[in-house]
Structures are given as structure tokens and as C-alpha cells.
Amino acid sequence: MLELGIRNEELTAYGLTDYGLIGSGTEGKGIRVMNNDEGNVVQERSYAFALRIVKMYKWLCEEKREFVLSKQLLRSGTSIGANVEEAIGGMSGKDFSAKMGIAYKEARETHYWLRLMHDSEFITEAAFESILCDCEELLKLIGSICKTMKGRDF
């Protein structure tokens, strides 16, 4: 939160900390390599991101009375994790690769909806920067997995 130059009082005043829109993500931490002792990083991050999206959706509906664009954001943002879960449970390498490809496309779509919500002034600069950073980290992580899988022969 400090790197954005926003005080905790401001976040609380706007209700952003209550909805998890600021400060609950992984911004600024970089991408870790998957490690068996730590669990599946993409699975954990996509789930945490989906929770932030759900909280943002609730905030947009309750506080901004915005229902159309926020529903699109909810669908694409939560679909990332769902497709990652399906990929992990895939029956073959092709199945895994296909589901990760869908997860990547959903992350791209979520990136679009976040930019649109920000540019149409439904979400603040602080909320946008925080959640966009998490979305971009997911894009890099899932994109890297997709590139790795592309070179494999199934």
C-alpha cells in the first residue's frame, strides 16, 4: 500500500480494504517457481485472484450500482482459476495444455474488463493498479506454462 502512496485511512474511507480491493494481493512480490513443498503456485494465485474479483464484483454492485460490466469481469476473472483446476485434473498432456490455454485467454479477457472498468471510472486508480498487477502476474505465469507445453510432444 505504501508504494502507491495511499494511507490506510484513505483506503478505509473508500471501503476498499473491506472488499479486499487493495493490499490483499501479491503485488510487488514477483513470480515464484512452483515447488512441491509450497504447493501449486498458479493454482493458489488464480484462486486468490478469483476471491479478489468476487469481492470487487460485490463492491461494484453494492457501492457503484454497476451490474453489466462487473458481471463480465466476474465471469472471466473466476474462470481463470476454474480452468487451472481443470488443467490440473486433466487426463492427458493435451487436456492440460488446452485448459491452460483457456485460462490464459480468460486472463486476457479479465485484463480487458479491468482496464475498461478503470477507464470508465468505476474503480479507482489504487484499486486498478493493485488488481491489474495480480492479473498481469497470472498472465506471465500461465503464459510461461503454455509456452513450455507448446514444445512438448504428446
Protein backbone atom coordinates (compact mmCIF):
# COMPACT_ATOMS: atom_id res chain seq x y z
CA MET A 1 0.00 0.00 0.00
CA LEU A 2 2.79 2.42 0.74
CA GLU A 3 4.34 2.06 -2.70
CA LEU A 4 1.15 3.55 -4.15
CA GLY A 5 1.38 6.49 -1.74
CA ILE A 6 -2.02 5.82 -0.17
CA ARG A 7 -2.63 5.96 3.56
CA ASN A 8 -4.64 3.27 5.35
CA GLU A 9 -7.19 5.92 6.40
CA GLU A 10 -7.92 6.70 2.75
CA LEU A 11 -8.37 3.04 1.90
CA THR A 12 -10.76 2.55 4.80
CA ALA A 13 -12.67 5.74 3.93
CA TYR A 14 -13.33 4.42 0.42
CA GLY A 15 -14.19 0.96 1.77
CA LEU A 16 -11.52 -0.63 -0.39
CA THR A 17 -9.84 -2.62 2.38
CA ASP A 18 -13.20 -4.07 3.44
CA TYR A 19 -13.74 -5.56 0.00
CA GLY A 20 -10.15 -6.73 -0.46
CA LEU A 21 -9.62 -4.47 -3.46
CA ILE A 22 -6.34 -3.12 -2.12
CA GLY A 23 -3.46 -4.76 -0.34
CA SER A 24 -4.61 -8.37 -0.26
CA GLY A 25 -2.96 -9.42 -3.49
CA THR A 26 0.54 -10.41 -4.47
CA GLU A 27 1.64 -7.11 -6.00
CA GLY A 28 5.34 -6.45 -5.96
CA LYS A 29 6.32 -9.96 -4.88
CA GLY A 30 7.32 -11.34 -8.27
CA ILE A 31 6.60 -14.80 -9.58
CA ARG A 32 7.84 -17.79 -7.60
CA VAL A 33 8.83 -21.05 -9.19
CA MET A 34 6.49 -23.94 -8.40
CA ASN A 35 7.81 -26.01 -5.53
CA ASN A 36 6.28 -29.22 -4.18
CA ASP A 37 6.81 -28.06 -0.58
CA GLU A 38 4.90 -24.83 -1.18
CA GLY A 39 2.07 -26.19 -3.32
CA ASN A 40 0.99 -25.25 -6.81
CA VAL A 41 1.66 -21.53 -7.27
CA VAL A 42 -0.63 -20.99 -10.27
CA GLN A 43 -3.45 -22.83 -8.51
CA GLU A 44 -3.07 -20.74 -5.34
CA ARG A 45 -2.69 -17.43 -7.15
CA SER A 46 -5.62 -17.99 -9.51
CA TYR A 47 -7.85 -18.89 -6.55
CA ALA A 48 -6.74 -15.82 -4.56
CA PHE A 49 -7.31 -13.67 -7.65
CA ALA A 50 -10.81 -15.11 -8.09
CA LEU A 51 -11.61 -14.15 -4.49
CA ARG A 52 -10.49 -10.58 -5.14
CA ILE A 53 -12.65 -10.47 -8.27
CA VAL A 54 -15.69 -11.71 -6.32
CA LYS A 55 -15.10 -9.02 -3.69
CA MET A 56 -14.71 -6.38 -6.38
CA TYR A 57 -17.94 -7.55 -8.02
CA LYS A 58 -19.80 -7.26 -4.72
CA TRP A 59 -18.37 -3.77 -4.19
CA LEU A 60 -19.27 -2.64 -7.71
CA CYS A 61 -22.84 -3.89 -7.31
CA GLU A 62 -23.39 -2.54 -3.80
CA GLU A 63 -21.47 0.73 -3.94
CA LYS A 64 -21.44 1.73 -7.62
CA ARG A 65 -24.70 0.03 -8.68
CA GLU A 66 -22.91 -1.36 -11.74
CA PHE A 67 -24.19 -4.74 -12.87
CA VAL A 68 -23.39 -5.33 -16.55
CA LEU A 69 -19.63 -4.82 -16.92
CA SER A 70 -18.97 -6.17 -13.45
CA LYS A 71 -20.74 -9.44 -14.34
CA GLN A 72 -18.40 -9.84 -17.33
CA LEU A 73 -15.43 -9.22 -15.04
CA LEU A 74 -16.78 -11.76 -12.54
CA ARG A 75 -17.21 -14.44 -15.19
CA SER A 76 -13.80 -14.09 -16.80
CA GLY A 77 -11.91 -13.44 -13.54
CA THR A 78 -13.25 -16.52 -11.77
CA SER A 79 -12.94 -18.68 -14.88
CA ILE A 80 -9.14 -18.44 -14.77
CA GLY A 81 -8.90 -20.48 -11.59
CA ALA A 82 -11.61 -22.90 -12.69
CA ASN A 83 -9.68 -23.70 -15.87
CA VAL A 84 -6.42 -24.05 -13.95
CA GLU A 85 -8.17 -26.58 -11.67
CA GLU A 86 -9.48 -28.45 -14.71
CA ALA A 87 -5.98 -28.46 -16.23
CA ILE A 88 -4.50 -29.95 -13.07
CA GLY A 89 -7.11 -32.69 -13.18
CA GLY A 90 -6.65 -33.26 -16.90
CA MET A 91 -6.48 -36.78 -18.28
CA SER A 92 -3.63 -36.10 -20.68
CA GLY A 93 -0.95 -33.60 -21.60
CA LYS A 94 -3.16 -32.30 -24.42
CA ASP A 95 -6.03 -31.82 -21.99
CA PHE A 96 -3.74 -29.96 -19.57
CA SER A 97 -2.38 -27.76 -22.34
CA ALA A 98 -5.85 -26.95 -23.72
CA LYS A 99 -7.24 -25.95 -20.32
CA MET A 100 -4.20 -23.80 -19.54
CA GLY A 101 -4.70 -22.13 -22.91
CA ILE A 102 -8.29 -21.32 -21.97
CA ALA A 103 -7.12 -19.99 -18.59
CA TYR A 104 -4.69 -17.69 -20.43
CA LYS A 105 -7.47 -16.39 -22.71
CA GLU A 106 -9.71 -15.75 -19.69
CA ALA A 107 -6.88 -13.83 -18.02
CA ARG A 108 -6.52 -11.68 -21.17
CA GLU A 109 -10.26 -11.00 -21.13
CA THR A 110 -10.12 -10.10 -17.43
CA HIS A 111 -7.27 -7.69 -18.18
CA TYR A 112 -9.53 -6.02 -20.75
CA TRP A 113 -12.51 -5.70 -18.37
CA LEU A 114 -10.30 -4.28 -15.61
CA ARG A 115 -8.95 -1.61 -17.98
CA LEU A 116 -12.47 -0.78 -19.14
CA MET A 117 -13.79 -0.54 -15.56
CA HIS A 118 -10.92 1.79 -14.67
CA ASP A 119 -11.18 3.98 -17.77
CA SER A 120 -14.94 4.33 -17.28
CA GLU A 121 -14.23 5.47 -13.70
CA PHE A 122 -15.93 2.60 -11.87
CA ILE A 123 -12.76 1.69 -9.98
CA THR A 124 -10.10 3.97 -8.54
CA GLU A 125 -6.51 4.19 -9.68
CA ALA A 126 -5.34 2.47 -6.49
CA ALA A 127 -7.75 -0.46 -6.84
CA PHE A 128 -6.93 -0.75 -10.54
CA GLU A 129 -3.15 -0.78 -10.09
CA SER A 130 -3.33 -3.37 -7.33
CA ILE A 131 -5.58 -5.90 -9.06
CA LEU A 132 -4.11 -5.29 -12.54
CA CYS A 133 -0.67 -6.20 -11.18
CA ASP A 134 -2.05 -9.53 -9.96
CA CYS A 135 -3.75 -10.14 -13.31
CA GLU A 136 -0.52 -9.44 -15.19
CA GLU A 137 1.42 -11.81 -12.92
CA LEU A 138 -1.14 -14.54 -13.68
CA LEU A 139 -0.78 -13.81 -17.40
CA LYS A 140 3.00 -14.20 -17.18
CA LEU A 141 2.78 -17.37 -15.13
CA ILE A 142 0.11 -19.08 -17.24
CA GLY A 143 1.71 -17.81 -20.46
CA SER A 144 5.01 -19.36 -19.43
CA ILE A 145 3.29 -22.67 -18.74
CA CYS A 146 1.58 -22.54 -22.15
CA LYS A 147 4.89 -21.83 -23.93
CA THR A 148 6.54 -24.72 -22.14
CA MET A 149 3.72 -27.08 -23.04
CA LYS A 150 3.74 -25.97 -26.69
CA GLY A 151 7.12 -27.57 -27.28
CA ARG A 152 6.08 -30.93 -25.88
CA ASP A 153 5.02 -33.88 -27.99
CA PHE A 154 2.02 -35.74 -26.55
